[in-house]
PDB file of N, CA and C in Angstrom:
ATOM      1  N   UNK A   1       0.817  -1.185   0.008  1.00  0.00           N
ATOM      2  CA  UNK A   1       0.004   0.002  -0.004  1.00  0.00           C
ATOM      3  C   UNK A   1       0.860   1.248  -0.001  1.00  0.00           C
ATOM      4  N   UNK A   2       0.304   2.295  -0.513  1.00  0.00           N
ATOM      5  CA  UNK A   2       1.002   3.551  -0.574  1.00  0.00           C
ATOM      6  C   UNK A   2       0.978   4.213   0.806  1.00  0.00           C
ATOM      7  N   UNK A   3       2.128   4.678   1.266  1.00  0.00           N
ATOM      8  CA  UNK A   3       2.225   5.258   2.615  1.00  0.00           C
ATOM      9  C   UNK A   3       1.658   6.671   2.647  1.00  0.00           C
ATOM     10  N   UNK A   4       1.848   7.433   1.586  1.00  0.00           N
ATOM     11  CA  UNK A   4       1.416   8.811   1.571  1.00  0.00           C
ATOM     12  C   UNK A   4      -0.097   8.918   1.367  1.00  0.00           C
ATOM     13  N   UNK A   5      -0.703   9.926   2.001  1.00  0.00           N
ATOM     14  CA  UNK A   5      -2.129  10.172   1.838  1.00  0.00           C
ATOM     15  C   UNK A   5      -2.399  10.730   0.439  1.00  0.00           C
ATOM     16  N   UNK A   6      -3.578  10.443  -0.052  1.00  0.00           N
ATOM     17  CA  UNK A   6      -3.968  10.943  -1.378  1.00  0.00           C
ATOM     18  C   UNK A   6      -4.101  12.457  -1.319  1.00  0.00           C
ATOM     19  N   UNK A   7      -3.543  13.119  -2.319  1.00  0.00           N
ATOM     20  CA  UNK A   7      -3.555  14.575  -2.380  1.00  0.00           C
ATOM     21  C   UNK A   7      -3.985  15.022  -3.774  1.00  0.00           C
ATOM     22  N   UNK A   8      -5.184  15.594  -3.891  1.00  0.00           N
ATOM     23  CA  UNK A   8      -5.704  16.016  -5.194  1.00  0.00           C
ATOM     24  C   UNK A   8      -4.912  17.144  -5.847  1.00  0.00           C
ATOM     25  N   UNK A   9      -4.008  17.745  -5.108  1.00  0.00           N
ATOM     26  CA  UNK A   9      -3.167  18.786  -5.688  1.00  0.00           C
ATOM     27  C   UNK A   9      -1.919  18.218  -6.357  1.00  0.00           C
ATOM     28  N   UNK A  10      -1.746  16.875  -6.260  1.00  0.00           N
ATOM     29  CA  UNK A  10      -0.589  16.208  -6.882  1.00  0.00           C
ATOM     30  C   UNK A  10      -1.017  15.559  -8.169  1.00  0.00           C
ATOM     31  N   UNK A  11      -0.035  15.198  -8.958  1.00  0.00           N
ATOM     32  CA  UNK A  11      -0.263  14.453 -10.196  1.00  0.00           C
ATOM     33  C   UNK A  11      -0.180  12.954  -9.933  1.00  0.00           C
ATOM     34  N   UNK A  12      -1.086  12.201 -10.514  1.00  0.00           N
ATOM     35  CA  UNK A  12      -1.106  10.748 -10.402  1.00  0.00           C
ATOM     36  C   UNK A  12      -1.240  10.150 -11.787  1.00  0.00           C
ATOM     37  N   UNK A  13      -0.966   8.860 -11.879  1.00  0.00           N
ATOM     38  CA  UNK A  13      -1.128   8.111 -13.101  1.00  0.00           C
ATOM     39  C   UNK A  13      -1.483   6.680 -12.745  1.00  0.00           C
ATOM     40  N   UNK A  14      -1.988   5.921 -13.716  1.00  0.00           N
ATOM     41  CA  UNK A  14      -2.227   4.512 -13.501  1.00  0.00           C
ATOM     42  C   UNK A  14      -0.889   3.802 -13.307  1.00  0.00           C
ATOM     43  N   UNK A  15      -0.850   2.871 -12.370  1.00  0.00           N
ATOM     44  CA  UNK A  15       0.320   2.019 -12.203  1.00  0.00           C
ATOM     45  C   UNK A  15       0.547   1.289 -13.506  1.00  0.00           C
ATOM     46  N   UNK A  16       1.824   1.073 -13.863  1.00  0.00           N
ATOM     47  CA  UNK A  16       2.136   0.430 -15.154  1.00  0.00           C
ATOM     48  C   UNK A  16       1.663  -1.018 -15.214  1.00  0.00           C
ATOM     49  N   UNK A  17       1.329  -1.627 -14.079  1.00  0.00           N
ATOM     50  CA  UNK A  17       0.841  -2.996 -14.081  1.00  0.00           C
ATOM     51  C   UNK A  17      -0.685  -3.083 -13.994  1.00  0.00           C
ATOM     52  N   UNK A  18      -1.366  -1.962 -14.232  1.00  0.00           N
ATOM     53  CA  UNK A  18      -2.823  -1.929 -14.196  1.00  0.00           C
ATOM     54  C   UNK A  18      -3.370  -1.872 -15.597  1.00  0.00           C
ATOM     55  N   UNK A  19      -4.352  -2.688 -15.863  1.00  0.00           N
ATOM     56  CA  UNK A  19      -5.067  -2.680 -17.146  1.00  0.00           C
ATOM     57  C   UNK A  19      -6.517  -2.357 -16.895  1.00  0.00           C
ATOM     58  N   UNK A  20      -7.115  -1.546 -17.761  1.00  0.00           N
ATOM     59  CA  UNK A  20      -8.524  -1.231 -17.710  1.00  0.00           C
ATOM     60  C   UNK A  20      -9.243  -1.949 -18.854  1.00  0.00           C
ATOM     61  N   UNK A  21     -10.341  -2.587 -18.506  1.00  0.00           N
ATOM     62  CA  UNK A  21     -11.162  -3.238 -19.526  1.00  0.00           C
ATOM     63  C   UNK A  21     -12.529  -2.536 -19.551  1.00  0.00           C
ATOM     64  N   UNK A  22     -12.859  -1.884 -20.661  1.00  0.00           N
ATOM     65  CA  UNK A  22     -14.146  -1.182 -20.725  1.00  0.00           C
ATOM     66  C   UNK A  22     -15.319  -2.153 -20.538  1.00  0.00           C
ATOM     67  N   UNK A  23     -16.311  -1.686 -19.815  1.00  0.00           N
ATOM     68  CA  UNK A  23     -17.543  -2.426 -19.548  1.00  0.00           C
ATOM     69  C   UNK A  23     -18.722  -1.464 -19.678  1.00  0.00           C
ATOM     70  N   UNK A  24     -19.936  -1.968 -19.873  1.00  0.00           N
ATOM     71  CA  UNK A  24     -21.081  -1.063 -19.997  1.00  0.00           C
ATOM     72  C   UNK A  24     -21.265  -0.149 -18.790  1.00  0.00           C
ATOM     73  N   UNK A  25     -20.878  -0.567 -17.595  1.00  0.00           N
ATOM     74  CA  UNK A  25     -21.031   0.233 -16.382  1.00  0.00           C
ATOM     75  C   UNK A  25     -19.870   1.170 -16.154  1.00  0.00           C
ATOM     76  N   UNK A  26     -18.767   0.993 -16.840  1.00  0.00           N
ATOM     77  CA  UNK A  26     -17.552   1.784 -16.638  1.00  0.00           C
ATOM     78  C   UNK A  26     -16.343   0.971 -17.077  1.00  0.00           C
ATOM     79  N   UNK A  27     -15.661   0.309 -16.115  1.00  0.00           N
ATOM     80  CA  UNK A  27     -14.515  -0.514 -16.460  1.00  0.00           C
ATOM     81  C   UNK A  27     -14.121  -1.429 -15.303  1.00  0.00           C
ATOM     82  N   UNK A  28     -13.450  -2.489 -15.660  1.00  0.00           N
ATOM     83  CA  UNK A  28     -12.772  -3.338 -14.688  1.00  0.00           C
ATOM     84  C   UNK A  28     -11.308  -2.929 -14.695  1.00  0.00           C
ATOM     85  N   UNK A  29     -10.736  -2.794 -13.535  1.00  0.00           N
ATOM     86  CA  UNK A  29      -9.325  -2.473 -13.407  1.00  0.00           C
ATOM     87  C   UNK A  29      -8.643  -3.625 -12.727  1.00  0.00           C
ATOM     88  N   UNK A  30      -7.631  -4.187 -13.379  1.00  0.00           N
ATOM     89  CA  UNK A  30      -6.917  -5.331 -12.822  1.00  0.00           C
ATOM     90  C   UNK A  30      -5.459  -4.959 -12.637  1.00  0.00           C
ATOM     91  N   UNK A  31      -4.933  -5.205 -11.437  1.00  0.00           N
ATOM     92  CA  UNK A  31      -3.530  -4.958 -11.129  1.00  0.00           C
ATOM     93  C   UNK A  31      -2.788  -6.266 -11.226  1.00  0.00           C
ATOM     94  N   UNK A  32      -1.927  -6.418 -12.207  1.00  0.00           N
ATOM     95  CA  UNK A  32      -1.193  -7.652 -12.422  1.00  0.00           C
ATOM     96  C   UNK A  32      -0.131  -7.898 -11.344  1.00  0.00           C
ATOM     97  N   UNK A  33       0.286  -6.875 -10.641  1.00  0.00           N
ATOM     98  CA  UNK A  33       1.274  -7.020  -9.594  1.00  0.00           C
ATOM     99  C   UNK A  33       0.703  -7.586  -8.308  1.00  0.00           C
ATOM    100  N   UNK A  34      -0.395  -7.027  -7.835  1.00  0.00           N
ATOM    101  CA  UNK A  34      -0.958  -7.487  -6.581  1.00  0.00           C
ATOM    102  C   UNK A  34      -2.229  -8.328  -6.778  1.00  0.00           C
ATOM    103  N   UNK A  35      -2.591  -8.558  -8.036  1.00  0.00           N
ATOM    104  CA  UNK A  35      -3.724  -9.422  -8.428  1.00  0.00           C
ATOM    105  C   UNK A  35      -5.080  -8.931  -7.893  1.00  0.00           C
ATOM    106  N   UNK A  36      -5.190  -7.644  -7.675  1.00  0.00           N
ATOM    107  CA  UNK A  36      -6.451  -7.081  -7.215  1.00  0.00           C
ATOM    108  C   UNK A  36      -7.291  -6.633  -8.406  1.00  0.00           C
ATOM    109  N   UNK A  37      -8.600  -6.693  -8.193  1.00  0.00           N
ATOM    110  CA  UNK A  37      -9.563  -6.281  -9.182  1.00  0.00           C
ATOM    111  C   UNK A  37     -10.419  -5.180  -8.579  1.00  0.00           C
ATOM    112  N   UNK A  38     -10.646  -4.127  -9.363  1.00  0.00           N
ATOM    113  CA  UNK A  38     -11.506  -3.032  -8.936  1.00  0.00           C
ATOM    114  C   UNK A  38     -12.529  -2.756 -10.023  1.00  0.00           C
ATOM    115  N   UNK A  39     -13.696  -2.297  -9.612  1.00  0.00           N
ATOM    116  CA  UNK A  39     -14.736  -1.890 -10.538  1.00  0.00           C
ATOM    117  C   UNK A  39     -14.793  -0.378 -10.547  1.00  0.00           C
ATOM    118  N   UNK A  40     -14.672   0.197 -11.713  1.00  0.00           N
ATOM    119  CA  UNK A  40     -14.871   1.655 -11.901  1.00  0.00           C
ATOM    120  C   UNK A  40     -16.306   1.778 -12.382  1.00  0.00           C
ATOM    121  N   UNK A  41     -17.197   2.231 -11.519  1.00  0.00           N
ATOM    122  CA  UNK A  41     -18.636   2.129 -11.738  1.00  0.00           C
ATOM    123  C   UNK A  41     -19.251   3.332 -12.432  1.00  0.00           C
ATOM    124  N   UNK A  42     -18.452   4.149 -13.046  1.00  0.00           N
ATOM    125  CA  UNK A  42     -18.976   5.302 -13.797  1.00  0.00           C
ATOM    126  C   UNK A  42     -18.026   5.563 -14.986  1.00  0.00           C
ATOM    127  N   UNK A  43     -18.603   5.760 -16.133  1.00  0.00           N
ATOM    128  CA  UNK A  43     -17.771   6.039 -17.315  1.00  0.00           C
ATOM    129  C   UNK A  43     -16.956   7.312 -17.134  1.00  0.00           C
ATOM    130  N   UNK A  44     -17.537   8.301 -16.416  1.00  0.00           N
ATOM    131  CA  UNK A  44     -16.806   9.531 -16.168  1.00  0.00           C
ATOM    132  C   UNK A  44     -15.572   9.270 -15.306  1.00  0.00           C
ATOM    133  N   UNK A  45     -15.677   8.343 -14.366  1.00  0.00           N
ATOM    134  CA  UNK A  45     -14.527   7.975 -13.537  1.00  0.00           C
ATOM    135  C   UNK A  45     -13.440   7.339 -14.395  1.00  0.00           C
ATOM    136  N   UNK A  46     -13.825   6.487 -15.329  1.00  0.00           N
ATOM    137  CA  UNK A  46     -12.874   5.869 -16.235  1.00  0.00           C
ATOM    138  C   UNK A  46     -12.136   6.918 -17.025  1.00  0.00           C
ATOM    139  N   UNK A  47     -12.892   7.858 -17.598  1.00  0.00           N
ATOM    140  CA  UNK A  47     -12.298   8.949 -18.368  1.00  0.00           C
ATOM    141  C   UNK A  47     -11.315   9.756 -17.521  1.00  0.00           C
ATOM    142  N   UNK A  48     -11.732  10.056 -16.288  1.00  0.00           N
ATOM    143  CA  UNK A  48     -10.864  10.783 -15.351  1.00  0.00           C
ATOM    144  C   UNK A  48      -9.588  10.022 -15.070  1.00  0.00           C
ATOM    145  N   UNK A  49      -9.699   8.747 -14.720  1.00  0.00           N
ATOM    146  CA  UNK A  49      -8.525   7.942 -14.426  1.00  0.00           C
ATOM    147  C   UNK A  49      -7.597   7.856 -15.618  1.00  0.00           C
ATOM    148  N   UNK A  50      -8.147   7.675 -16.811  1.00  0.00           N
ATOM    149  CA  UNK A  50      -7.319   7.568 -18.013  1.00  0.00           C
ATOM    150  C   UNK A  50      -6.595   8.883 -18.335  1.00  0.00           C
ATOM    151  N   UNK A  51      -7.156  10.000 -17.877  1.00  0.00           N
ATOM    152  CA  UNK A  51      -6.575  11.305 -18.228  1.00  0.00           C
ATOM    153  C   UNK A  51      -5.624  11.852 -17.147  1.00  0.00           C
ATOM    154  N   UNK A  52      -5.527  11.184 -16.015  1.00  0.00           N
ATOM    155  CA  UNK A  52      -4.723  11.736 -14.915  1.00  0.00           C
ATOM    156  C   UNK A  52      -3.293  12.088 -15.324  1.00  0.00           C
ATOM    157  N   UNK A  53      -2.663  11.236 -16.076  1.00  0.00           N
ATOM    158  CA  UNK A  53      -1.236  11.447 -16.442  1.00  0.00           C
ATOM    159  C   UNK A  53      -1.062  12.653 -17.358  1.00  0.00           C
ATOM    160  N   UNK A  54      -2.150  13.139 -17.948  1.00  0.00           N
ATOM    161  CA  UNK A  54      -2.078  14.289 -18.847  1.00  0.00           C
ATOM    162  C   UNK A  54      -2.173  15.624 -18.113  1.00  0.00           C
ATOM    163  N   UNK A  55      -2.316  15.589 -16.792  1.00  0.00           N
ATOM    164  CA  UNK A  55      -2.557  16.818 -16.039  1.00  0.00           C
ATOM    165  C   UNK A  55      -1.559  16.957 -14.892  1.00  0.00           C
ATOM    166  N   UNK A  56      -1.345  18.204 -14.492  1.00  0.00           N
ATOM    167  CA  UNK A  56      -0.394  18.513 -13.422  1.00  0.00           C
ATOM    168  C   UNK A  56      -0.906  18.163 -12.028  1.00  0.00           C
ATOM    169  N   UNK A  57      -2.214  17.898 -11.940  1.00  0.00           N
ATOM    170  CA  UNK A  57      -2.788  17.541 -10.643  1.00  0.00           C
ATOM    171  C   UNK A  57      -4.118  16.839 -10.893  1.00  0.00           C
ATOM    172  N   UNK A  58      -4.607  16.175  -9.866  1.00  0.00           N
ATOM    173  CA  UNK A  58      -5.940  15.555  -9.943  1.00  0.00           C
ATOM    174  C   UNK A  58      -6.975  16.668 -10.151  1.00  0.00           C
ATOM    175  N   UNK A  59      -6.790  17.770  -9.430  1.00  0.00           N
ATOM    176  CA  UNK A  59      -7.729  18.891  -9.542  1.00  0.00           C
ATOM    177  C   UNK A  59      -7.807  19.388 -10.979  1.00  0.00           C
ATOM    178  N   UNK A  60      -6.682  19.487 -11.670  1.00  0.00           N
ATOM    179  CA  UNK A  60      -6.683  19.903 -13.071  1.00  0.00           C
ATOM    180  C   UNK A  60      -7.406  18.888 -13.951  1.00  0.00           C
ATOM    181  N   UNK A  61      -7.240  17.620 -13.619  1.00  0.00           N
ATOM    182  CA  UNK A  61      -7.956  16.577 -14.389  1.00  0.00           C
ATOM    183  C   UNK A  61      -9.481  16.703 -14.174  1.00  0.00           C
ATOM    184  N   UNK A  62      -9.896  16.996 -12.946  1.00  0.00           N
ATOM    185  CA  UNK A  62     -11.328  17.219 -12.696  1.00  0.00           C
ATOM    186  C   UNK A  62     -11.836  18.381 -13.537  1.00  0.00           C
ATOM    187  N   UNK A  63     -11.084  19.471 -13.540  1.00  0.00           N
ATOM    188  CA  UNK A  63     -11.490  20.664 -14.306  1.00  0.00           C
ATOM    189  C   UNK A  63     -11.655  20.305 -15.781  1.00  0.00           C
ATOM    190  N   UNK A  64     -10.697  19.576 -16.328  1.00  0.00           N
ATOM    191  CA  UNK A  64     -10.708  19.245 -17.750  1.00  0.00           C
ATOM    192  C   UNK A  64     -11.791  18.231 -18.099  1.00  0.00           C
ATOM    193  N   UNK A  65     -12.158  17.372 -17.172  1.00  0.00           N
ATOM    194  CA  UNK A  65     -13.122  16.307 -17.446  1.00  0.00           C
ATOM    195  C   UNK A  65     -14.573  16.786 -17.498  1.00  0.00           C
ATOM    196  N   UNK A  66     -14.821  18.002 -17.088  1.00  0.00           N
ATOM    197  CA  UNK A  66     -16.171  18.570 -17.079  1.00  0.00           C
ATOM    198  C   UNK A  66     -17.173  17.727 -16.276  1.00  0.00           C
ATOM    199  N   UNK A  67     -16.695  17.192 -15.172  1.00  0.00           N
ATOM    200  CA  UNK A  67     -17.558  16.444 -14.260  1.00  0.00           C
ATOM    201  C   UNK A  67     -18.240  17.445 -13.331  1.00  0.00           C
ATOM    202  N   UNK A  68     -19.512  17.265 -13.118  1.00  0.00           N
ATOM    203  CA  UNK A  68     -20.260  18.121 -12.218  1.00  0.00           C
ATOM    204  C   UNK A  68     -19.557  18.226 -10.875  1.00  0.00           C
ATOM    205  N   UNK A  69     -19.188  19.420 -10.437  1.00  0.00           N
ATOM    206  CA  UNK A  69     -18.465  19.583  -9.183  1.00  0.00           C
ATOM    207  C   UNK A  69     -19.144  18.940  -7.967  1.00  0.00           C
ATOM    208  N   UNK A  70     -20.454  18.763  -8.017  1.00  0.00           N
ATOM    209  CA  UNK A  70     -21.149  18.097  -6.914  1.00  0.00           C
ATOM    210  C   UNK A  70     -20.756  16.635  -6.804  1.00  0.00           C
ATOM    211  N   UNK A  71     -20.224  16.066  -7.883  1.00  0.00           N
ATOM    212  CA  UNK A  71     -19.820  14.661  -7.898  1.00  0.00           C
ATOM    213  C   UNK A  71     -18.352  14.492  -7.498  1.00  0.00           C
ATOM    214  N   UNK A  72     -17.598  15.562  -7.452  1.00  0.00           N
ATOM    215  CA  UNK A  72     -16.159  15.492  -7.182  1.00  0.00           C
ATOM    216  C   UNK A  72     -15.832  14.750  -5.875  1.00  0.00           C
ATOM    217  N   UNK A  73     -16.536  15.013  -4.768  1.00  0.00           N
ATOM    218  CA  UNK A  73     -16.156  14.306  -3.523  1.00  0.00           C
ATOM    219  C   UNK A  73     -16.222  12.776  -3.653  1.00  0.00           C
ATOM    220  N   UNK A  74     -17.248  12.276  -4.313  1.00  0.00           N
ATOM    221  CA  UNK A  74     -17.329  10.817  -4.463  1.00  0.00           C
ATOM    222  C   UNK A  74     -16.251  10.293  -5.405  1.00  0.00           C
ATOM    223  N   UNK A  75     -15.958  11.062  -6.444  1.00  0.00           N
ATOM    224  CA  UNK A  75     -14.889  10.637  -7.355  1.00  0.00           C
ATOM    225  C   UNK A  75     -13.527  10.718  -6.675  1.00  0.00           C
ATOM    226  N   UNK A  76     -13.333  11.730  -5.839  1.00  0.00           N
ATOM    227  CA  UNK A  76     -12.055  11.854  -5.121  1.00  0.00           C
ATOM    228  C   UNK A  76     -11.892  10.682  -4.141  1.00  0.00           C
ATOM    229  N   UNK A  77     -12.961  10.263  -3.498  1.00  0.00           N
ATOM    230  CA  UNK A  77     -12.884   9.078  -2.615  1.00  0.00           C
ATOM    231  C   UNK A  77     -12.521   7.851  -3.419  1.00  0.00           C
ATOM    232  N   UNK A  78     -13.095   7.720  -4.619  1.00  0.00           N
ATOM    233  CA  UNK A  78     -12.763   6.559  -5.451  1.00  0.00           C
ATOM    234  C   UNK A  78     -11.296   6.598  -5.863  1.00  0.00           C
ATOM    235  N   UNK A  79     -10.782   7.773  -6.224  1.00  0.00           N
ATOM    236  CA  UNK A  79      -9.369   7.896  -6.588  1.00  0.00           C
ATOM    237  C   UNK A  79      -8.467   7.612  -5.399  1.00  0.00           C
ATOM    238  N   UNK A  80      -8.848   8.058  -4.227  1.00  0.00           N
ATOM    239  CA  UNK A  80      -8.048   7.807  -3.018  1.00  0.00           C
ATOM    240  C   UNK A  80      -8.000   6.295  -2.744  1.00  0.00           C
ATOM    241  N   UNK A  81      -9.109   5.615  -2.951  1.00  0.00           N
ATOM    242  CA  UNK A  81      -9.141   4.165  -2.768  1.00  0.00           C
ATOM    243  C   UNK A  81      -8.259   3.467  -3.781  1.00  0.00           C
ATOM    244  N   UNK A  82      -8.287   3.925  -5.018  1.00  0.00           N
ATOM    245  CA  UNK A  82      -7.425   3.359  -6.049  1.00  0.00           C
ATOM    246  C   UNK A  82      -5.954   3.589  -5.725  1.00  0.00           C
ATOM    247  N   UNK A  83      -5.630   4.749  -5.191  1.00  0.00           N
ATOM    248  CA  UNK A  83      -4.237   5.058  -4.818  1.00  0.00           C
ATOM    249  C   UNK A  83      -3.814   4.191  -3.644  1.00  0.00           C
ATOM    250  N   UNK A  84      -4.701   3.990  -2.665  1.00  0.00           N
ATOM    251  CA  UNK A  84      -4.360   3.174  -1.513  1.00  0.00           C
ATOM    252  C   UNK A  84      -4.115   1.719  -1.901  1.00  0.00           C
ATOM    253  N   UNK A  85      -4.707   1.275  -3.011  1.00  0.00           N
ATOM    254  CA  UNK A  85      -4.528  -0.101  -3.510  1.00  0.00           C
ATOM    255  C   UNK A  85      -3.433  -0.176  -4.564  1.00  0.00           C
ATOM    256  N   UNK A  86      -2.694   0.892  -4.755  1.00  0.00           N
ATOM    257  CA  UNK A  86      -1.604   1.003  -5.743  1.00  0.00           C
ATOM    258  C   UNK A  86      -2.064   0.885  -7.188  1.00  0.00           C
ATOM    259  N   UNK A  87      -3.331   1.147  -7.451  1.00  0.00           N
ATOM    260  CA  UNK A  87      -3.804   1.223  -8.834  1.00  0.00           C
ATOM    261  C   UNK A  87      -3.373   2.565  -9.439  1.00  0.00           C
ATOM    262  N   UNK A  88      -3.315   3.597  -8.591  1.00  0.00           N
ATOM    263  CA  UNK A  88      -2.809   4.901  -8.996  1.00  0.00           C
ATOM    264  C   UNK A  88      -1.541   5.143  -8.204  1.00  0.00           C
ATOM    265  N   UNK A  89      -0.577   5.769  -8.858  1.00  0.00           N
ATOM    266  CA  UNK A  89       0.678   6.122  -8.178  1.00  0.00           C
ATOM    267  C   UNK A  89       1.003   7.569  -8.498  1.00  0.00           C
ATOM    268  N   UNK A  90       1.727   8.255  -7.621  1.00  0.00           N
ATOM    269  CA  UNK A  90       2.146   9.609  -7.917  1.00  0.00           C
ATOM    270  C   UNK A  90       2.959   9.649  -9.206  1.00  0.00           C
ATOM    271  N   UNK A  91       2.715  10.652 -10.006  1.00  0.00           N
ATOM    272  CA  UNK A  91       3.448  10.795 -11.269  1.00  0.00           C
ATOM    273  C   UNK A  91       4.848  11.299 -10.972  1.00  0.00           C
ATOM    274  N   UNK A  92       5.838  10.696 -11.575  1.00  0.00           N
ATOM    275  CA  UNK A  92       7.230  11.079 -11.373  1.00  0.00           C
ATOM    276  C   UNK A  92       7.520  12.522 -11.791  1.00  0.00           C
ATOM    277  N   UNK A  93       6.687  13.073 -12.650  1.00  0.00           N
ATOM    278  CA  UNK A  93       6.884  14.428 -13.135  1.00  0.00           C
ATOM    279  C   UNK A  93       6.065  15.446 -12.325  1.00  0.00           C
ATOM    280  N   UNK A  94       5.554  15.026 -11.188  1.00  0.00           N
ATOM    281  CA  UNK A  94       4.748  15.869 -10.316  1.00  0.00           C
ATOM    282  C   UNK A  94       5.550  17.087  -9.861  1.00  0.00           C
ATOM    283  N   UNK A  95       4.987  18.262  -9.973  1.00  0.00           N
ATOM    284  CA  UNK A  95       5.666  19.498  -9.571  1.00  0.00           C
ATOM    285  C   UNK A  95       5.963  19.499  -8.087  1.00  0.00           C
ATOM    286  N   UNK A  96       5.107  18.848  -7.252  1.00  0.00           N
ATOM    287  CA  UNK A  96       5.349  18.773  -5.817  1.00  0.00           C
ATOM    288  C   UNK A  96       6.584  17.961  -5.496  1.00  0.00           C
ATOM    289  N   UNK A  97       6.880  16.982  -6.317  1.00  0.00           N
ATOM    290  CA  UNK A  97       8.087  16.173  -6.096  1.00  0.00           C
ATOM    291  C   UNK A  97       9.325  17.031  -6.236  1.00  0.00           C
ATOM    292  N   UNK A  98       9.351  17.858  -7.280  1.00  0.00           N
ATOM    293  CA  UNK A  98      10.477  18.708  -7.516  1.00  0.00           C
ATOM    294  C   UNK A  98      10.661  19.746  -6.423  1.00  0.00           C
ATOM    295  N   UNK A  99       9.536  20.254  -5.905  1.00  0.00           N
ATOM    296  CA  UNK A  99       9.592  21.276  -4.859  1.00  0.00           C
ATOM    297  C   UNK A  99      10.105  20.700  -3.546  1.00  0.00           C
ATOM    298  N   UNK A 100       9.872  19.397  -3.339  1.00  0.00           N
ATOM    299  CA  UNK A 100      10.305  18.783  -2.074  1.00  0.00           C
ATOM    300  C   UNK A 100      11.772  18.454  -2.065  1.00  0.00           C
ATOM    301  N   UNK A 101      12.369  18.396  -3.219  1.00  0.00           N
ATOM    302  CA  UNK A 101      13.790  18.001  -3.304  1.00  0.00           C
ATOM    303  C   UNK A 101      14.726  19.088  -2.885  1.00  0.00           C
TER     304      UNK A 101
END
């Protein structure tokens, strides 16, 4: 598990050992490293997860995804859960990483 708490101001990306399989409800996410399976139960969540690496922060990804801001808290909880299970990892190009060095 990831030791650091999830921070929406940081950049994240899918772990390289995670595969997403599109489904009518959203997607199945399978982690080949830890053999865990997750259900992404909204197509908007799938789009958000797939776009994380293209943005400087999770917050920027939310802004770009045009998801109703009232849904952001539930989506952020889902992302935090994915990060805690190592489906999402901090992006190596995260601006916060450089600032901490």
